[in-house]
Amino acid sequence: MNVLCPVCQKSVRTGHARRCRHCGCEVAILRKIHESAQESILLALKSLRIGHDAIAHDFAHESWGLRRSRQAAAIGLLAAVALADPVEIPRWMRRRRSMLQAE
């Protein structure tokens, strides 16, 4: 998996690398953060499938906090709509829109 170094913005392969080969910044933790965010996405999807919308929303929020992604924004929006939450729906819509505009 490749990530951008937070210091020099160069692409770094995090498979076995502990540090950015360009600037020496510690990047090993970025892989763990990405994996945790993906795990939260999977748990959110599983929760949506079985009708636990509030739990799905919590997992989507957790994933968004670890790593802002289109998937977290989409799942968070789905969960907020399922909950009919008038505060969270526009919040997730803004997050989703910002991810689409960033592409």
C-alpha atoms as a PDB file:
ATOM      1  CA  MET A   1       0.000   0.000   0.000  1.00  0.00           C
ATOM      2  CA  ASN A   2       1.232   3.476  -0.830  1.00  0.00           C
ATOM      3  CA  VAL A   3       0.598   6.543   1.308  1.00  0.00           C
ATOM      4  CA  LEU A   4       1.680  10.147   1.062  1.00  0.00           C
ATOM      5  CA  CYS A   5       4.319  11.167   3.543  1.00  0.00           C
ATOM      6  CA  PRO A   6       2.792  13.838   5.800  1.00  0.00           C
ATOM      7  CA  VAL A   7       6.043  15.837   5.724  1.00  0.00           C
ATOM      8  CA  CYS A   8       7.333  15.786   2.145  1.00  0.00           C
ATOM      9  CA  GLN A   9       4.143  14.582   0.360  1.00  0.00           C
ATOM     10  CA  LYS A  10       6.085  11.903  -1.558  1.00  0.00           C
ATOM     11  CA  SER A  11       4.515   8.507  -2.183  1.00  0.00           C
ATOM     12  CA  VAL A  12       5.862   5.875   0.222  1.00  0.00           C
ATOM     13  CA  ARG A  13       5.269   2.140   0.070  1.00  0.00           C
ATOM     14  CA  THR A  14       4.343   1.181   3.639  1.00  0.00           C
ATOM     15  CA  GLY A  15       4.547  -2.599   3.281  1.00  0.00           C
ATOM     16  CA  HIS A  16       7.870  -2.943   5.080  1.00  0.00           C
ATOM     17  CA  ALA A  17       9.053   0.661   5.256  1.00  0.00           C
ATOM     18  CA  ARG A  18       9.155   2.228   8.671  1.00  0.00           C
ATOM     19  CA  ARG A  19      10.394   5.597   7.442  1.00  0.00           C
ATOM     20  CA  CYS A  20       9.978   7.727   4.338  1.00  0.00           C
ATOM     21  CA  ARG A  21      12.975   7.154   2.089  1.00  0.00           C
ATOM     22  CA  HIS A  22      12.865  10.818   1.021  1.00  0.00           C
ATOM     23  CA  CYS A  23      12.805  12.665   4.332  1.00  0.00           C
ATOM     24  CA  GLY A  24      13.048  10.022   7.078  1.00  0.00           C
ATOM     25  CA  CYS A  25       9.588  10.670   8.572  1.00  0.00           C
ATOM     26  CA  GLU A  26       8.021   7.752  10.483  1.00  0.00           C
ATOM     27  CA  VAL A  27       5.297   6.281   8.229  1.00  0.00           C
ATOM     28  CA  ALA A  28       4.691   2.787   9.637  1.00  0.00           C
ATOM     29  CA  ILE A  29       1.827   4.032  11.808  1.00  0.00           C
ATOM     30  CA  LEU A  30      -0.003   5.329   8.725  1.00  0.00           C
ATOM     31  CA  ARG A  31      -0.568   1.760   7.527  1.00  0.00           C
ATOM     32  CA  LYS A  32      -2.076   0.818  10.878  1.00  0.00           C
ATOM     33  CA  ILE A  33      -4.365   3.853  10.805  1.00  0.00           C
ATOM     34  CA  HIS A  34      -5.506   2.953   7.295  1.00  0.00           C
ATOM     35  CA  GLU A  35      -6.188  -0.653   8.324  1.00  0.00           C
ATOM     36  CA  SER A  36      -8.178   0.465  11.372  1.00  0.00           C
ATOM     37  CA  ALA A  37     -10.260   2.833   9.259  1.00  0.00           C
ATOM     38  CA  GLN A  38     -10.986   0.032   6.776  1.00  0.00           C
ATOM     39  CA  GLU A  39     -11.977  -2.301   9.597  1.00  0.00           C
ATOM     40  CA  SER A  40     -14.424   0.302  10.897  1.00  0.00           C
ATOM     41  CA  ILE A  41     -15.893   0.605   7.382  1.00  0.00           C
ATOM     42  CA  LEU A  42     -16.442  -3.154   7.220  1.00  0.00           C
ATOM     43  CA  LEU A  43     -18.062  -3.189  10.661  1.00  0.00           C
ATOM     44  CA  ALA A  44     -20.307  -0.275   9.644  1.00  0.00           C
ATOM     45  CA  LEU A  45     -21.431  -2.126   6.516  1.00  0.00           C
ATOM     46  CA  LYS A  46     -22.112  -5.269   8.509  1.00  0.00           C
ATOM     47  CA  SER A  47     -24.132  -3.252  11.037  1.00  0.00           C
ATOM     48  CA  LEU A  48     -26.182  -1.625   8.263  1.00  0.00           C
ATOM     49  CA  ARG A  49     -26.962  -5.031   6.767  1.00  0.00           C
ATOM     50  CA  ILE A  50     -28.435  -6.325  10.014  1.00  0.00           C
ATOM     51  CA  GLY A  51     -30.344  -3.130  10.777  1.00  0.00           C
ATOM     52  CA  HIS A  52     -28.165  -1.676  13.528  1.00  0.00           C
ATOM     53  CA  ASP A  53     -28.153   1.824  12.065  1.00  0.00           C
ATOM     54  CA  ALA A  54     -26.893   3.657  15.166  1.00  0.00           C
ATOM     55  CA  ILE A  55     -23.946   1.286  15.491  1.00  0.00           C
ATOM     56  CA  ALA A  56     -23.207   1.665  11.772  1.00  0.00           C
ATOM     57  CA  HIS A  57     -23.214   5.431  12.230  1.00  0.00           C
ATOM     58  CA  ASP A  58     -20.752   5.142  15.106  1.00  0.00           C
ATOM     59  CA  PHE A  59     -18.396   2.971  13.062  1.00  0.00           C
ATOM     60  CA  ALA A  60     -18.607   5.354  10.087  1.00  0.00           C
ATOM     61  CA  HIS A  61     -17.805   8.257  12.405  1.00  0.00           C
ATOM     62  CA  GLU A  62     -14.869   6.305  13.840  1.00  0.00           C
ATOM     63  CA  SER A  63     -13.525   5.569  10.355  1.00  0.00           C
ATOM     64  CA  TRP A  64     -13.945   9.218   9.334  1.00  0.00           C
ATOM     65  CA  GLY A  65     -11.957  10.286  12.386  1.00  0.00           C
ATOM     66  CA  LEU A  66      -9.104   7.941  11.517  1.00  0.00           C
ATOM     67  CA  ARG A  67      -8.999   8.576   7.800  1.00  0.00           C
ATOM     68  CA  ARG A  68     -11.378  10.756   5.857  1.00  0.00           C
ATOM     69  CA  SER A  69     -12.606   8.699   2.935  1.00  0.00           C
ATOM     70  CA  ARG A  70     -15.429   8.590   0.433  1.00  0.00           C
ATOM     71  CA  GLN A  71     -16.533   5.244   1.842  1.00  0.00           C
ATOM     72  CA  ALA A  72     -16.844   6.572   5.399  1.00  0.00           C
ATOM     73  CA  ALA A  73     -18.806   9.585   4.162  1.00  0.00           C
ATOM     74  CA  ALA A  74     -21.158   7.429   2.098  1.00  0.00           C
ATOM     75  CA  ILE A  75     -21.811   4.924   4.873  1.00  0.00           C
ATOM     76  CA  GLY A  76     -22.227   7.683   7.434  1.00  0.00           C
ATOM     77  CA  LEU A  77     -24.808   9.316   5.191  1.00  0.00           C
ATOM     78  CA  LEU A  78     -26.680   6.037   4.712  1.00  0.00           C
ATOM     79  CA  ALA A  79     -26.761   5.434   8.452  1.00  0.00           C
ATOM     80  CA  ALA A  80     -27.879   9.002   9.182  1.00  0.00           C
ATOM     81  CA  VAL A  81     -30.710   8.693   6.638  1.00  0.00           C
ATOM     82  CA  ALA A  82     -31.749   5.360   8.143  1.00  0.00           C
ATOM     83  CA  LEU A  83     -31.835   7.050  11.549  1.00  0.00           C
ATOM     84  CA  ALA A  84     -33.666  10.082  10.091  1.00  0.00           C
ATOM     85  CA  ASP A  85     -31.256  12.297  12.011  1.00  0.00           C
ATOM     86  CA  PRO A  86     -31.847  15.939  10.969  1.00  0.00           C
ATOM     87  CA  VAL A  87     -28.427  17.060  12.236  1.00  0.00           C
ATOM     88  CA  GLU A  88     -26.246  14.243  10.924  1.00  0.00           C
ATOM     89  CA  ILE A  89     -27.748  14.018   7.426  1.00  0.00           C
ATOM     90  CA  PRO A  90     -26.513  17.472   6.286  1.00  0.00           C
ATOM     91  CA  ARG A  91     -23.213  16.952   8.114  1.00  0.00           C
ATOM     92  CA  TRP A  92     -22.514  13.724   6.206  1.00  0.00           C
ATOM     93  CA  MET A  93     -23.721  15.330   2.966  1.00  0.00           C
ATOM     94  CA  ARG A  94     -21.134  18.102   3.393  1.00  0.00           C
ATOM     95  CA  ARG A  95     -18.439  15.539   4.118  1.00  0.00           C
ATOM     96  CA  ARG A  96     -19.414  13.488   1.073  1.00  0.00           C
ATOM     97  CA  ARG A  97     -19.469  16.584  -1.124  1.00  0.00           C
ATOM     98  CA  SER A  98     -16.052  17.692   0.099  1.00  0.00           C
ATOM     99  CA  MET A  99     -14.589  14.261  -0.751  1.00  0.00           C
ATOM    100  CA  LEU A 100     -16.078  14.360  -4.248  1.00  0.00           C
ATOM    101  CA  GLN A 101     -14.747  17.876  -4.856  1.00  0.00           C
ATOM    102  CA  ALA A 102     -11.263  16.884  -3.676  1.00  0.00           C
ATOM    103  CA  GLU A 103     -10.915  14.317  -6.457  1.00  0.00           C
END
